[in-house]
Amino acid sequence: MLTPGGRFHVRWDENGSATALGQLAFFAEFLEVSGLFSRRVEGCPLPYTSPNSPAVVD
């Protein structure tokens, strides 16, 4: 699955218990495929001026 953070490999464990972040990879894929993440990054209202600041996408 392709996400803004890179490629993730999801493996189902039928005997495992559910976790709070279990669906996060699928939501990240939705944001990437729909273009919502890139539109949010383009319209980010936060100006970064420090030379040590991360990129907006980070």
N, C-alpha and C. Protein backbone atom coordinates (compact mmCIF):
# COMPACT_ATOMS: atom_id res chain seq x y z
N MET A 1 0.85 -1.16 0.00
CA MET A 1 0.00 0.00 0.00
C MET A 1 0.89 1.22 0.00
N LEU A 2 0.53 2.19 -0.82
CA LEU A 2 1.33 3.39 -1.01
C LEU A 2 0.73 4.52 -0.18
N THR A 3 1.55 5.15 0.63
CA THR A 3 1.10 6.23 1.51
C THR A 3 2.05 7.42 1.36
N PRO A 4 1.69 8.59 1.91
CA PRO A 4 2.59 9.74 1.84
C PRO A 4 3.95 9.46 2.50
N GLY A 5 3.99 8.56 3.44
CA GLY A 5 5.25 8.23 4.12
C GLY A 5 6.06 7.15 3.42
N GLY A 6 5.55 6.63 2.34
CA GLY A 6 6.23 5.56 1.63
C GLY A 6 5.35 4.33 1.53
N ARG A 7 5.96 3.22 1.20
CA ARG A 7 5.21 1.97 1.01
C ARG A 7 5.15 1.19 2.32
N PHE A 8 3.96 0.71 2.64
CA PHE A 8 3.75 -0.12 3.82
C PHE A 8 3.29 -1.50 3.39
N HIS A 9 3.71 -2.49 4.10
CA HIS A 9 3.24 -3.85 3.86
C HIS A 9 2.41 -4.26 5.07
N VAL A 10 1.16 -4.60 4.83
CA VAL A 10 0.23 -4.97 5.90
C VAL A 10 0.04 -6.49 5.86
N ARG A 11 0.19 -7.09 7.00
CA ARG A 11 0.00 -8.53 7.11
C ARG A 11 -1.06 -8.79 8.17
N TRP A 12 -2.07 -9.57 7.81
CA TRP A 12 -3.15 -9.88 8.73
C TRP A 12 -2.73 -11.01 9.66
N ASP A 13 -3.05 -10.88 10.92
CA ASP A 13 -2.86 -11.94 11.90
C ASP A 13 -4.24 -12.29 12.44
N GLU A 14 -4.78 -13.38 11.96
CA GLU A 14 -6.15 -13.75 12.34
C GLU A 14 -6.29 -14.05 13.83
N ASN A 15 -5.21 -14.36 14.49
CA ASN A 15 -5.26 -14.66 15.93
C ASN A 15 -4.85 -13.47 16.78
N GLY A 16 -4.47 -12.36 16.16
CA GLY A 16 -4.04 -11.18 16.90
C GLY A 16 -5.23 -10.37 17.39
N SER A 17 -4.98 -9.56 18.39
CA SER A 17 -6.05 -8.70 18.90
C SER A 17 -5.99 -7.34 18.19
N ALA A 18 -7.08 -6.61 18.24
CA ALA A 18 -7.17 -5.31 17.57
C ALA A 18 -6.34 -4.28 18.32
N THR A 19 -5.82 -3.31 17.56
CA THR A 19 -5.06 -2.21 18.16
C THR A 19 -5.70 -0.89 17.75
N ALA A 20 -5.38 0.14 18.47
CA ALA A 20 -5.93 1.47 18.18
C ALA A 20 -5.43 2.00 16.85
N LEU A 21 -4.24 1.63 16.43
CA LEU A 21 -3.67 2.14 15.19
C LEU A 21 -3.75 1.13 14.05
N GLY A 22 -4.54 0.10 14.21
CA GLY A 22 -4.62 -0.96 13.22
C GLY A 22 -5.09 -0.52 11.85
N GLN A 23 -5.93 0.50 11.78
CA GLN A 23 -6.47 0.96 10.50
C GLN A 23 -5.72 2.17 9.95
N LEU A 24 -4.67 2.62 10.64
CA LEU A 24 -3.97 3.83 10.23
C LEU A 24 -3.35 3.71 8.84
N ALA A 25 -2.79 2.56 8.51
CA ALA A 25 -2.17 2.37 7.19
C ALA A 25 -3.22 2.52 6.08
N PHE A 26 -4.42 2.04 6.30
CA PHE A 26 -5.47 2.15 5.29
C PHE A 26 -5.96 3.58 5.14
N PHE A 27 -6.01 4.33 6.24
CA PHE A 27 -6.39 5.73 6.18
C PHE A 27 -5.32 6.53 5.45
N ALA A 28 -4.05 6.23 5.71
CA ALA A 28 -2.96 6.92 5.02
C ALA A 28 -3.01 6.64 3.52
N GLU A 29 -3.34 5.41 3.14
CA GLU A 29 -3.48 5.09 1.72
C GLU A 29 -4.63 5.88 1.11
N PHE A 30 -5.74 6.01 1.81
CA PHE A 30 -6.87 6.80 1.33
C PHE A 30 -6.46 8.25 1.10
N LEU A 31 -5.70 8.84 2.03
CA LEU A 31 -5.26 10.23 1.87
C LEU A 31 -4.37 10.39 0.64
N GLU A 32 -3.51 9.41 0.38
CA GLU A 32 -2.61 9.48 -0.77
C GLU A 32 -3.39 9.31 -2.08
N VAL A 33 -4.23 8.30 -2.15
CA VAL A 33 -4.96 8.00 -3.39
C VAL A 33 -5.95 9.10 -3.74
N SER A 34 -6.60 9.67 -2.76
CA SER A 34 -7.60 10.71 -3.02
C SER A 34 -6.99 12.08 -3.30
N GLY A 35 -5.70 12.26 -2.97
CA GLY A 35 -5.06 13.55 -3.18
C GLY A 35 -5.29 14.52 -2.04
N LEU A 36 -5.99 14.11 -1.00
CA LEU A 36 -6.28 15.01 0.11
C LEU A 36 -5.02 15.44 0.86
N PHE A 37 -4.07 14.53 1.00
CA PHE A 37 -2.84 14.86 1.72
C PHE A 37 -2.04 15.92 0.96
N SER A 38 -1.87 15.74 -0.33
CA SER A 38 -1.08 16.69 -1.12
C SER A 38 -1.76 18.06 -1.18
N ARG A 39 -3.10 18.08 -1.26
CA ARG A 39 -3.80 19.37 -1.26
C ARG A 39 -3.64 20.07 0.08
N ARG A 40 -3.63 19.31 1.16
CA ARG A 40 -3.45 19.91 2.48
C ARG A 40 -2.04 20.49 2.63
N VAL A 41 -1.06 19.77 2.12
CA VAL A 41 0.32 20.26 2.19
C VAL A 41 0.48 21.53 1.37
N GLU A 42 -0.12 21.56 0.18
CA GLU A 42 -0.03 22.76 -0.67
C GLU A 42 -0.68 23.97 -0.03
N GLY A 43 -1.76 23.76 0.71
CA GLY A 43 -2.48 24.86 1.33
C GLY A 43 -2.14 25.07 2.79
N CYS A 44 -1.01 24.53 3.23
CA CYS A 44 -0.64 24.63 4.65
C CYS A 44 -0.43 26.09 5.04
N PRO A 45 -1.13 26.55 6.05
CA PRO A 45 -1.03 27.95 6.44
C PRO A 45 0.16 28.27 7.34
N LEU A 46 0.96 27.29 7.68
CA LEU A 46 2.06 27.53 8.60
C LEU A 46 3.33 27.94 7.86
N PRO A 47 3.83 29.15 8.11
CA PRO A 47 5.09 29.53 7.48
C PRO A 47 6.28 29.07 8.33
N TYR A 48 7.19 28.35 7.73
CA TYR A 48 8.40 27.91 8.43
C TYR A 48 9.55 28.81 7.99
N THR A 49 10.20 29.47 8.95
CA THR A 49 11.28 30.40 8.59
C THR A 49 12.63 29.99 9.15
N SER A 50 12.66 29.11 10.11
CA SER A 50 13.93 28.69 10.70
C SER A 50 14.71 27.81 9.73
N PRO A 51 16.04 27.95 9.70
CA PRO A 51 16.82 27.07 8.83
C PRO A 51 16.80 25.62 9.32
N ASN A 52 16.40 25.39 10.54
CA ASN A 52 16.32 24.03 11.10
C ASN A 52 14.92 23.45 11.02
N SER A 53 13.99 24.17 10.43
CA SER A 53 12.60 23.68 10.39
C SER A 53 12.46 22.56 9.38
N PRO A 54 11.53 21.64 9.66
CA PRO A 54 11.29 20.56 8.70
C PRO A 54 10.50 21.06 7.50
N ALA A 55 10.48 20.26 6.47
CA ALA A 55 9.64 20.59 5.32
C ALA A 55 8.17 20.50 5.73
N VAL A 56 7.30 21.18 5.02
CA VAL A 56 5.88 21.19 5.37
C VAL A 56 5.31 19.77 5.35
N VAL A 57 5.73 18.96 4.41
CA VAL A 57 5.22 17.60 4.32
C VAL A 57 5.61 16.75 5.54
N ASP A 58 6.69 17.10 6.19
CA ASP A 58 7.13 16.35 7.38
C ASP A 58 6.33 16.76 8.59
